[in-house]
Each structure stands twice: as structure tokens, then as C-alpha cells.
N, C-alpha and C. Protein backbone atom coordinates (compact mmCIF):
# COMPACT_ATOMS: atom_id res chain seq x y z
N MET A 1 -9.34 -20.59 -4.22
CA MET A 1 -9.66 -19.20 -3.93
C MET A 1 -11.13 -18.94 -4.19
N ASP A 2 -11.67 -17.97 -3.52
CA ASP A 2 -13.06 -17.61 -3.65
C ASP A 2 -13.21 -16.56 -4.74
N ALA A 3 -14.22 -16.70 -5.58
CA ALA A 3 -14.41 -15.79 -6.70
C ALA A 3 -15.37 -14.65 -6.36
N GLU A 4 -15.57 -14.33 -5.09
CA GLU A 4 -16.48 -13.26 -4.69
C GLU A 4 -15.88 -11.87 -4.86
N TYR A 5 -14.60 -11.77 -5.04
CA TYR A 5 -13.93 -10.48 -5.13
C TYR A 5 -13.66 -10.14 -6.59
N GLU A 6 -13.51 -8.83 -6.85
CA GLU A 6 -13.13 -8.38 -8.18
C GLU A 6 -11.61 -8.38 -8.26
N LYS A 7 -11.07 -8.64 -9.41
CA LYS A 7 -9.62 -8.65 -9.59
C LYS A 7 -9.15 -7.24 -9.94
N ILE A 8 -9.16 -6.37 -8.92
CA ILE A 8 -8.76 -4.98 -9.07
C ILE A 8 -7.63 -4.67 -8.09
N CYS A 9 -6.97 -3.56 -8.32
CA CYS A 9 -5.81 -3.18 -7.49
C CYS A 9 -6.16 -3.01 -6.01
N LEU A 10 -7.38 -2.70 -5.72
CA LEU A 10 -7.80 -2.52 -4.34
C LEU A 10 -7.53 -3.77 -3.50
N TYR A 11 -7.57 -4.97 -4.12
CA TYR A 11 -7.35 -6.23 -3.43
C TYR A 11 -6.05 -6.92 -3.83
N CYS A 12 -5.15 -6.23 -4.50
CA CYS A 12 -3.93 -6.85 -5.01
C CYS A 12 -2.77 -6.76 -4.01
N GLU A 13 -1.96 -7.79 -4.02
CA GLU A 13 -0.78 -7.86 -3.16
C GLU A 13 0.27 -6.82 -3.53
N HIS A 14 0.32 -6.43 -4.79
CA HIS A 14 1.33 -5.48 -5.27
C HIS A 14 0.97 -4.02 -5.00
N ALA A 15 -0.27 -3.75 -4.61
CA ALA A 15 -0.72 -2.36 -4.46
C ALA A 15 -0.84 -1.95 -3.00
N ALA A 16 -0.64 -0.68 -2.76
CA ALA A 16 -0.80 -0.09 -1.43
C ALA A 16 -1.61 1.19 -1.57
N PRO A 17 -2.44 1.51 -0.58
CA PRO A 17 -3.23 2.73 -0.66
C PRO A 17 -2.35 3.98 -0.63
N SER A 18 -2.81 5.02 -1.29
CA SER A 18 -2.07 6.29 -1.30
C SER A 18 -2.85 7.33 -0.50
N TYR A 19 -2.44 8.56 -0.57
CA TYR A 19 -3.12 9.63 0.16
C TYR A 19 -4.53 9.86 -0.37
N ASP A 20 -4.79 9.49 -1.61
CA ASP A 20 -6.09 9.65 -2.26
C ASP A 20 -6.81 8.30 -2.24
N SER A 21 -8.05 8.26 -1.78
CA SER A 21 -8.77 6.99 -1.69
C SER A 21 -9.09 6.38 -3.05
N GLU A 22 -9.00 7.16 -4.11
CA GLU A 22 -9.27 6.67 -5.46
C GLU A 22 -8.01 6.14 -6.16
N ARG A 23 -6.85 6.30 -5.56
CA ARG A 23 -5.59 5.89 -6.18
C ARG A 23 -4.86 4.85 -5.34
N MET A 24 -4.08 4.02 -6.00
CA MET A 24 -3.25 3.01 -5.34
C MET A 24 -1.82 3.16 -5.85
N LEU A 25 -0.85 2.78 -5.02
CA LEU A 25 0.55 2.78 -5.42
C LEU A 25 0.94 1.34 -5.73
N CYS A 26 1.11 1.03 -7.01
CA CYS A 26 1.42 -0.32 -7.45
C CYS A 26 2.93 -0.48 -7.58
N GLU A 27 3.46 -1.59 -7.08
CA GLU A 27 4.90 -1.87 -7.19
C GLU A 27 5.33 -2.03 -8.63
N LEU A 28 4.42 -2.46 -9.49
CA LEU A 28 4.74 -2.76 -10.88
C LEU A 28 4.40 -1.64 -11.85
N ARG A 29 3.29 -0.93 -11.61
CA ARG A 29 2.79 0.06 -12.56
C ARG A 29 2.85 1.50 -12.08
N GLY A 30 3.17 1.72 -10.82
CA GLY A 30 3.20 3.08 -10.28
C GLY A 30 1.84 3.48 -9.74
N VAL A 31 1.44 4.72 -9.94
CA VAL A 31 0.17 5.22 -9.44
C VAL A 31 -0.94 4.81 -10.41
N VAL A 32 -1.94 4.10 -9.89
CA VAL A 32 -3.07 3.64 -10.70
C VAL A 32 -4.36 3.87 -9.92
N SER A 33 -5.50 3.78 -10.60
CA SER A 33 -6.78 3.93 -9.90
C SER A 33 -7.05 2.67 -9.09
N SER A 34 -7.88 2.77 -8.08
CA SER A 34 -8.16 1.61 -7.22
C SER A 34 -8.93 0.53 -7.98
N GLY A 35 -9.56 0.87 -9.09
CA GLY A 35 -10.29 -0.09 -9.90
C GLY A 35 -9.49 -0.63 -11.07
N HIS A 36 -8.20 -0.32 -11.14
CA HIS A 36 -7.34 -0.75 -12.23
C HIS A 36 -7.20 -2.28 -12.23
N LYS A 37 -7.10 -2.87 -13.42
CA LYS A 37 -6.93 -4.32 -13.56
C LYS A 37 -5.70 -4.58 -14.42
N CYS A 38 -4.89 -5.59 -14.02
CA CYS A 38 -3.76 -6.00 -14.85
C CYS A 38 -3.54 -7.50 -14.71
N LYS A 39 -2.68 -8.05 -15.54
CA LYS A 39 -2.44 -9.50 -15.56
C LYS A 39 -1.60 -9.98 -14.38
N LYS A 40 -0.95 -9.10 -13.67
CA LYS A 40 -0.07 -9.47 -12.56
C LYS A 40 -0.80 -9.51 -11.22
N PHE A 41 -2.12 -9.48 -11.25
CA PHE A 41 -2.94 -9.46 -10.03
C PHE A 41 -2.69 -10.70 -9.17
N ILE A 42 -2.44 -10.47 -7.88
CA ILE A 42 -2.34 -11.54 -6.88
C ILE A 42 -3.25 -11.13 -5.72
N TYR A 43 -4.24 -11.96 -5.43
CA TYR A 43 -5.22 -11.65 -4.39
C TYR A 43 -4.57 -11.62 -3.01
N ASP A 44 -4.87 -10.56 -2.25
CA ASP A 44 -4.39 -10.42 -0.87
C ASP A 44 -5.62 -10.41 0.03
N PRO A 45 -5.93 -11.50 0.73
CA PRO A 45 -7.15 -11.57 1.53
C PRO A 45 -7.18 -10.58 2.68
N LEU A 46 -6.05 -10.07 3.12
CA LEU A 46 -6.03 -9.11 4.22
C LEU A 46 -6.53 -7.73 3.83
N LYS A 47 -6.61 -7.45 2.54
CA LYS A 47 -7.09 -6.14 2.08
C LYS A 47 -8.59 -6.10 1.89
N ARG A 48 -9.24 -7.26 1.95
CA ARG A 48 -10.69 -7.31 1.76
C ARG A 48 -11.39 -6.91 3.05
N VAL A 49 -12.41 -6.07 2.95
CA VAL A 49 -13.21 -5.68 4.10
C VAL A 49 -14.44 -6.58 4.11
N PRO A 50 -14.61 -7.43 5.14
CA PRO A 50 -15.75 -8.34 5.15
C PRO A 50 -17.07 -7.61 5.32
N ARG A 51 -18.10 -8.24 4.79
CA ARG A 51 -19.45 -7.66 4.93
C ARG A 51 -19.89 -7.80 6.38
N VAL A 52 -20.65 -6.83 6.85
CA VAL A 52 -21.18 -6.87 8.20
C VAL A 52 -22.45 -7.71 8.16
N PRO A 53 -22.54 -8.76 8.98
CA PRO A 53 -23.75 -9.58 8.96
C PRO A 53 -24.96 -8.80 9.47
N LYS A 54 -26.10 -9.12 8.91
CA LYS A 54 -27.33 -8.45 9.34
C LYS A 54 -27.71 -8.95 10.72
N LYS A 55 -28.17 -8.03 11.55
CA LYS A 55 -28.62 -8.39 12.88
C LYS A 55 -30.04 -8.96 12.77
N PRO A 56 -30.34 -9.99 13.52
CA PRO A 56 -31.70 -10.53 13.47
C PRO A 56 -32.68 -9.53 14.08
N ALA A 57 -33.90 -9.58 13.58
CA ALA A 57 -34.94 -8.71 14.13
C ALA A 57 -35.19 -9.08 15.60
N HIS A 58 -35.73 -8.15 16.34
CA HIS A 58 -35.98 -8.36 17.77
C HIS A 58 -36.87 -9.58 17.98
N ASP A 59 -37.82 -9.83 17.09
CA ASP A 59 -38.73 -10.96 17.23
C ASP A 59 -38.01 -12.29 17.04
N GLU A 60 -36.90 -12.29 16.32
CA GLU A 60 -36.17 -13.52 16.05
C GLU A 60 -35.15 -13.88 17.12
N MET A 61 -34.98 -13.03 18.11
CA MET A 61 -34.02 -13.28 19.18
C MET A 61 -34.53 -14.41 20.08
N PRO A 62 -33.67 -15.36 20.43
CA PRO A 62 -34.10 -16.43 21.32
C PRO A 62 -34.32 -15.91 22.75
N GLN A 63 -35.29 -16.47 23.41
CA GLN A 63 -35.58 -16.08 24.80
C GLN A 63 -34.74 -16.93 25.73
N ILE A 64 -34.15 -16.30 26.72
CA ILE A 64 -33.30 -17.04 27.67
C ILE A 64 -34.05 -17.23 28.97
């Protein structure tokens, strides 16, 4: 596994988003904050939002 992510409920397999963006619905703990940490954390790669790659500057574009 990659260690680039934080072990918080936002990326956990047991948690689901709620109506409030700051809260998560955890199968094990109930309603918790999205930054909550517990020992039952299981990373879910589908919940991670990938970084948007930087676009190269116009000068760096190859000429066709």
C-alpha cells in the first residue's frame, strides 16, 4: 500500500459520507468527523481524489 494518504475516516472502507461534508457515517462508530482516526481503519482507494497534474507551460509544449 502507498503511504501518501492519511489514515482518517475520509478514506476508510467502513465510512460513508453524510449530509454534512465534515461528518462521516461509520459502520463501527456511528457519526464521526471526517478526520477521525481509529484502529479499525481499512484503506479504500476508491474514496481518494487524485491530484490534478499540472499543465505544462505553453513554451514547453512540443511543436507538431
